Amino acid sequence: MEDPLHPFELHNFIPLSLFGLDISVNKAVLLMWIVVGVASLFLLKAGAAKSLVPSKVQSMAELLVEFIRGIIQDTMGSSGMRYFPLISALFIFILFSNLLGLIPGSYTITSQIVVTGVFAIGVYALSLVVGFQLHGAKFLGILVPPGTPGWLLPLMIPIELISQLARPISLAVRLFANMTAGHVILGVLLGLTIAGGLLIGWLPFSFTIVLYGLEVGIAFIQAYIFTVLTCVYIGDAIHLH
């Protein structure tokens, strides 16, 4: 049976180097271009069809916009709408990456910890920039929970600091682990289907179909969770929660 981690291996199509930095084109890079292209075509087509009776593509785009708007309003309030372009781009990219990764022979970009890690660090760094820009040194008050007595500060500040540093780690690992685990299980079940043949192969194959449908839902849920936590972190920086 083939190694279930084999689909996550990356091999360079076009070896490239820039000042000693490896910028080779591989399957992940190619899929990133495809995700950006497909998402852009979807949004451009939806935006071009400005009819009174919306088409299916326009309706899907409008639902998507309203869904993202609702996330921002619920977590950051009206002041968070200035970050709508960033939040919507992040959600759409992760969602399309997750969904296109389910196509047989494709590649799931979000199964690479370096990708989710860059997103997570970027989001957390943005929240810090926003916090210090709006509140200055007062932003450091997030390390002191409201109502904490003075004698507990030497204990609470290191705990809160560790909690803050854990945010980008948990944000990156959550998306990476869920997408990787689902694809590994699918790979194992498909391997058992092939190994079992016609006699008993139908059993793991039936589980594969069910799990495949579940993975479609997980693709959306993980994009939603990543977006919600992004909004929460930026919202905390805005409102000092």
Protein backbone atom coordinates (compact mmCIF):
# COMPACT_ATOMS: atom_id res chain seq x y z
CA MET A 1 0.00 0.00 0.00
CA GLU A 2 1.33 3.43 -0.94
CA ASP A 3 2.57 5.72 1.80
CA PRO A 4 -0.41 7.99 2.71
CA LEU A 5 2.00 10.90 3.19
CA HIS A 6 3.28 10.56 -0.37
CA PRO A 7 0.78 13.13 -1.80
CA PHE A 8 2.26 15.80 0.49
CA GLU A 9 5.75 15.46 -0.97
CA LEU A 10 6.84 18.37 -3.16
CA HIS A 11 9.09 18.01 -6.20
CA ASN A 12 10.36 20.98 -8.17
CA PHE A 13 9.05 21.43 -11.69
CA ILE A 14 11.26 24.42 -12.45
CA PRO A 15 14.32 24.80 -10.18
CA LEU A 16 14.95 28.49 -9.47
CA SER A 17 17.16 30.36 -7.03
CA LEU A 18 17.30 34.05 -6.13
CA PHE A 19 20.27 35.25 -4.04
CA GLY A 20 20.58 31.78 -2.53
CA LEU A 21 16.86 31.58 -1.77
CA ASP A 22 14.99 28.63 -3.26
CA ILE A 23 12.04 29.99 -5.28
CA SER A 24 11.51 26.88 -7.39
CA VAL A 25 8.12 26.21 -8.94
CA ASN A 26 6.54 23.07 -7.50
CA LYS A 27 3.03 21.66 -7.16
CA ALA A 28 2.16 23.91 -4.22
CA VAL A 29 3.25 27.06 -6.07
CA LEU A 30 1.33 25.99 -9.16
CA LEU A 31 -1.81 25.34 -7.12
CA MET A 32 -1.49 28.75 -5.45
CA TRP A 33 -1.57 30.37 -8.89
CA ILE A 34 -4.55 28.25 -9.84
CA VAL A 35 -6.41 29.14 -6.63
CA VAL A 36 -5.80 32.86 -7.19
CA GLY A 37 -6.88 32.52 -10.83
CA VAL A 38 -10.06 30.56 -10.08
CA ALA A 39 -11.07 32.84 -7.19
CA SER A 40 -10.39 35.95 -9.29
CA LEU A 41 -12.42 34.63 -12.23
CA PHE A 42 -15.28 33.76 -9.88
CA LEU A 43 -15.35 37.24 -8.34
CA LEU A 44 -14.87 39.05 -11.66
CA LYS A 45 -17.68 37.10 -13.29
CA ALA A 46 -19.95 37.75 -10.31
CA GLY A 47 -19.11 41.45 -10.33
CA ALA A 48 -19.64 41.81 -14.07
CA ALA A 49 -23.18 40.38 -13.93
CA LYS A 50 -24.90 43.33 -12.26
CA SER A 51 -28.44 42.27 -13.12
CA LEU A 52 -31.59 42.91 -11.09
CA VAL A 53 -32.25 39.17 -11.05
CA PRO A 54 -28.87 37.77 -9.98
CA SER A 55 -27.35 34.78 -11.69
CA LYS A 56 -26.17 31.74 -9.74
CA VAL A 57 -22.59 33.03 -9.66
CA GLN A 58 -23.72 36.49 -8.57
CA SER A 59 -25.96 35.01 -5.87
CA MET A 60 -23.11 32.87 -4.54
CA ALA A 61 -20.80 35.87 -4.44
CA GLU A 62 -23.39 38.02 -2.67
CA LEU A 63 -24.00 35.30 -0.09
CA LEU A 64 -20.26 35.01 0.43
CA VAL A 65 -19.89 38.77 0.90
CA GLU A 66 -22.78 38.92 3.36
CA PHE A 67 -21.41 35.92 5.24
CA ILE A 68 -17.98 37.55 5.66
CA ARG A 69 -19.60 40.87 6.54
CA GLY A 70 -21.56 39.09 9.27
CA ILE A 71 -18.40 37.55 10.72
CA ILE A 72 -16.72 40.95 10.91
CA GLN A 73 -19.75 42.67 12.42
CA ASP A 74 -20.18 39.96 15.06
CA THR A 75 -16.53 39.90 16.14
CA MET A 76 -15.15 43.40 15.50
CA GLY A 77 -18.19 45.62 15.13
CA SER A 78 -18.65 48.30 12.50
CA SER A 79 -15.10 49.59 13.06
CA GLY A 80 -13.77 46.32 11.69
CA MET A 81 -15.25 46.89 8.23
CA ARG A 82 -12.08 48.72 7.21
CA TYR A 83 -10.41 45.30 7.22
CA PHE A 84 -13.08 43.73 5.02
CA PRO A 85 -10.81 43.44 1.92
CA LEU A 86 -8.13 41.60 3.91
CA ILE A 87 -10.56 39.31 5.74
CA SER A 88 -12.52 38.44 2.60
CA ALA A 89 -9.35 37.75 0.59
CA LEU A 90 -8.04 35.50 3.37
CA PHE A 91 -11.30 33.57 3.68
CA ILE A 92 -11.76 33.10 -0.07
CA PHE A 93 -8.15 32.00 -0.62
CA ILE A 94 -8.24 29.43 2.20
CA LEU A 95 -11.70 28.17 1.15
CA PHE A 96 -10.74 27.73 -2.50
CA SER A 97 -7.41 26.14 -1.50
CA ASN A 98 -9.23 23.62 0.70
CA LEU A 99 -11.87 22.80 -1.91
CA LEU A 100 -9.53 22.55 -4.91
CA GLY A 101 -7.26 20.33 -2.83
CA LEU A 102 -10.04 17.73 -2.72
CA ILE A 103 -9.87 17.20 -6.48
CA PRO A 104 -8.05 13.90 -7.17
CA GLY A 105 -4.55 14.57 -8.42
CA SER A 106 -4.59 18.11 -7.05
CA TYR A 107 -2.71 19.44 -4.02
CA THR A 108 -3.91 20.98 -0.76
CA ILE A 109 -1.88 24.12 -0.15
CA THR A 110 -3.12 24.45 3.42
CA SER A 111 -1.64 21.05 4.27
CA GLN A 112 1.77 22.76 4.38
CA ILE A 113 2.63 24.20 7.79
CA VAL A 114 4.80 26.86 6.16
CA VAL A 115 1.75 28.25 4.34
CA THR A 116 -0.57 28.27 7.34
CA GLY A 117 2.31 29.52 9.49
CA VAL A 118 2.92 32.54 7.25
CA PHE A 119 -0.79 33.36 7.32
CA ALA A 120 -0.99 32.98 11.10
CA ILE A 121 2.14 35.05 11.82
CA GLY A 122 0.98 37.71 9.37
CA VAL A 123 -2.44 37.93 11.03
CA TYR A 124 -0.99 38.12 14.54
CA ALA A 125 1.63 40.67 13.50
CA LEU A 126 -1.14 42.79 11.98
CA SER A 127 -3.10 42.64 15.24
CA LEU A 128 -0.03 43.91 17.12
CA VAL A 129 0.49 46.72 14.62
CA VAL A 130 -3.17 47.73 14.89
CA GLY A 131 -3.07 47.58 18.69
CA PHE A 132 0.03 49.74 19.09
CA GLN A 133 -1.12 52.12 16.37
CA LEU A 134 -4.47 52.74 18.07
CA HIS A 135 -3.46 52.58 21.74
CA GLY A 136 0.28 53.01 21.95
CA ALA A 137 1.91 51.61 25.10
CA LYS A 138 -1.54 51.18 26.62
CA PHE A 139 -1.93 48.17 24.31
CA LEU A 140 0.36 46.22 26.64
CA GLY A 141 -2.60 46.16 29.02
CA ILE A 142 -3.80 43.03 27.20
CA LEU A 143 -1.23 41.19 29.31
CA VAL A 144 -3.11 42.15 32.47
CA PRO A 145 -6.63 40.67 32.80
CA PRO A 146 -9.17 43.13 34.24
CA GLY A 147 -9.49 42.93 38.02
CA THR A 148 -6.13 41.24 38.56
CA PRO A 149 -4.70 42.17 41.99
CA GLY A 150 -1.25 43.72 41.97
CA TRP A 151 0.41 40.86 43.82
CA LEU A 152 -0.63 38.46 41.04
CA LEU A 153 0.91 40.49 38.22
CA PRO A 154 4.33 38.72 38.29
CA LEU A 155 2.48 35.45 37.70
CA MET A 156 -0.27 36.60 35.32
CA ILE A 157 1.87 38.61 32.91
CA PRO A 158 4.11 35.64 31.89
CA ILE A 159 1.01 33.44 31.55
CA GLU A 160 -0.74 36.01 29.35
CA LEU A 161 2.44 36.49 27.32
CA ILE A 162 2.67 32.75 26.64
CA SER A 163 -1.02 32.76 25.75
CA GLN A 164 -0.45 35.56 23.24
CA LEU A 165 2.55 33.83 21.67
CA ALA A 166 0.54 30.63 21.37
CA ARG A 167 -2.08 32.34 19.22
CA PRO A 168 -0.22 32.19 15.87
CA ILE A 169 1.00 28.66 16.63
CA SER A 170 -2.48 27.31 17.35
CA LEU A 171 -3.92 29.22 14.39
CA ALA A 172 -1.39 27.69 12.00
CA VAL A 173 -1.43 24.15 13.41
CA ARG A 174 -5.24 23.92 13.55
CA LEU A 175 -5.70 24.49 9.82
CA PHE A 176 -2.64 22.46 8.82
CA ALA A 177 -3.48 19.48 11.05
CA ASN A 178 -7.13 19.24 10.04
CA MET A 179 -6.45 19.39 6.30
CA THR A 180 -3.52 16.98 6.52
CA ALA A 181 -5.33 14.45 8.73
CA GLY A 182 -8.37 14.31 6.46
CA HIS A 183 -6.28 13.66 3.36
CA VAL A 184 -4.16 11.05 5.11
CA ILE A 185 -7.29 9.13 6.13
CA LEU A 186 -8.63 9.36 2.58
CA GLY A 187 -5.31 8.04 1.28
CA VAL A 188 -5.35 5.13 3.72
CA LEU A 189 -8.92 4.17 2.83
CA LEU A 190 -8.21 4.33 -0.90
CA GLY A 191 -5.13 2.18 -0.34
CA LEU A 192 -7.24 -0.38 1.55
CA THR A 193 -9.78 -0.29 -1.28
CA ILE A 194 -7.13 -1.17 -3.84
CA ALA A 195 -5.53 -3.79 -1.58
CA GLY A 196 -8.89 -5.39 -0.76
CA GLY A 197 -9.91 -5.84 -4.38
CA LEU A 198 -13.49 -6.56 -5.40
CA LEU A 199 -14.12 -8.96 -2.53
CA ILE A 200 -13.76 -6.62 0.47
CA GLY A 201 -12.60 -3.38 -1.18
CA TRP A 202 -16.16 -2.04 -1.31
CA LEU A 203 -16.21 -1.54 2.47
CA PRO A 204 -13.35 1.00 2.76
CA PHE A 205 -14.51 2.56 -0.51
CA SER A 206 -17.95 3.27 0.97
CA PHE A 207 -16.27 4.92 3.96
CA THR A 208 -14.17 6.95 1.51
CA ILE A 209 -17.29 8.37 -0.14
CA VAL A 210 -18.78 9.37 3.21
CA LEU A 211 -15.50 10.87 4.40
CA TYR A 212 -15.07 12.74 1.14
CA GLY A 213 -18.39 14.48 1.71
CA LEU A 214 -17.31 15.25 5.26
CA GLU A 215 -14.07 16.76 4.00
CA VAL A 216 -16.03 19.21 1.85
CA GLY A 217 -17.73 20.46 5.00
CA ILE A 218 -14.42 20.56 6.88
CA ALA A 219 -12.89 22.63 4.07
CA PHE A 220 -15.51 25.31 4.67
CA ILE A 221 -15.44 25.03 8.47
CA GLN A 222 -11.66 25.41 8.67
CA ALA A 223 -11.74 28.50 6.45
CA TYR A 224 -14.51 29.86 8.67
CA ILE A 225 -12.62 29.15 11.92
CA PHE A 226 -9.41 30.72 10.61
CA THR A 227 -11.35 33.82 9.54
CA VAL A 228 -13.25 34.09 12.82
CA LEU A 229 -10.05 33.86 14.88
CA THR A 230 -8.41 36.43 12.63
CA CYS A 231 -11.30 38.80 13.30
CA VAL A 232 -11.15 38.04 17.04
CA TYR A 233 -7.44 38.82 17.25
CA ILE A 234 -7.77 42.09 15.33
CA GLY A 235 -10.93 42.93 17.27
CA ASP A 236 -9.09 42.41 20.55
CA ALA A 237 -6.43 44.82 19.34
CA ILE A 238 -9.07 47.41 18.42
CA HIS A 239 -11.14 47.20 21.58
CA LEU A 240 -8.43 46.03 24.03
CA HIS A 241 -10.36 42.90 25.06
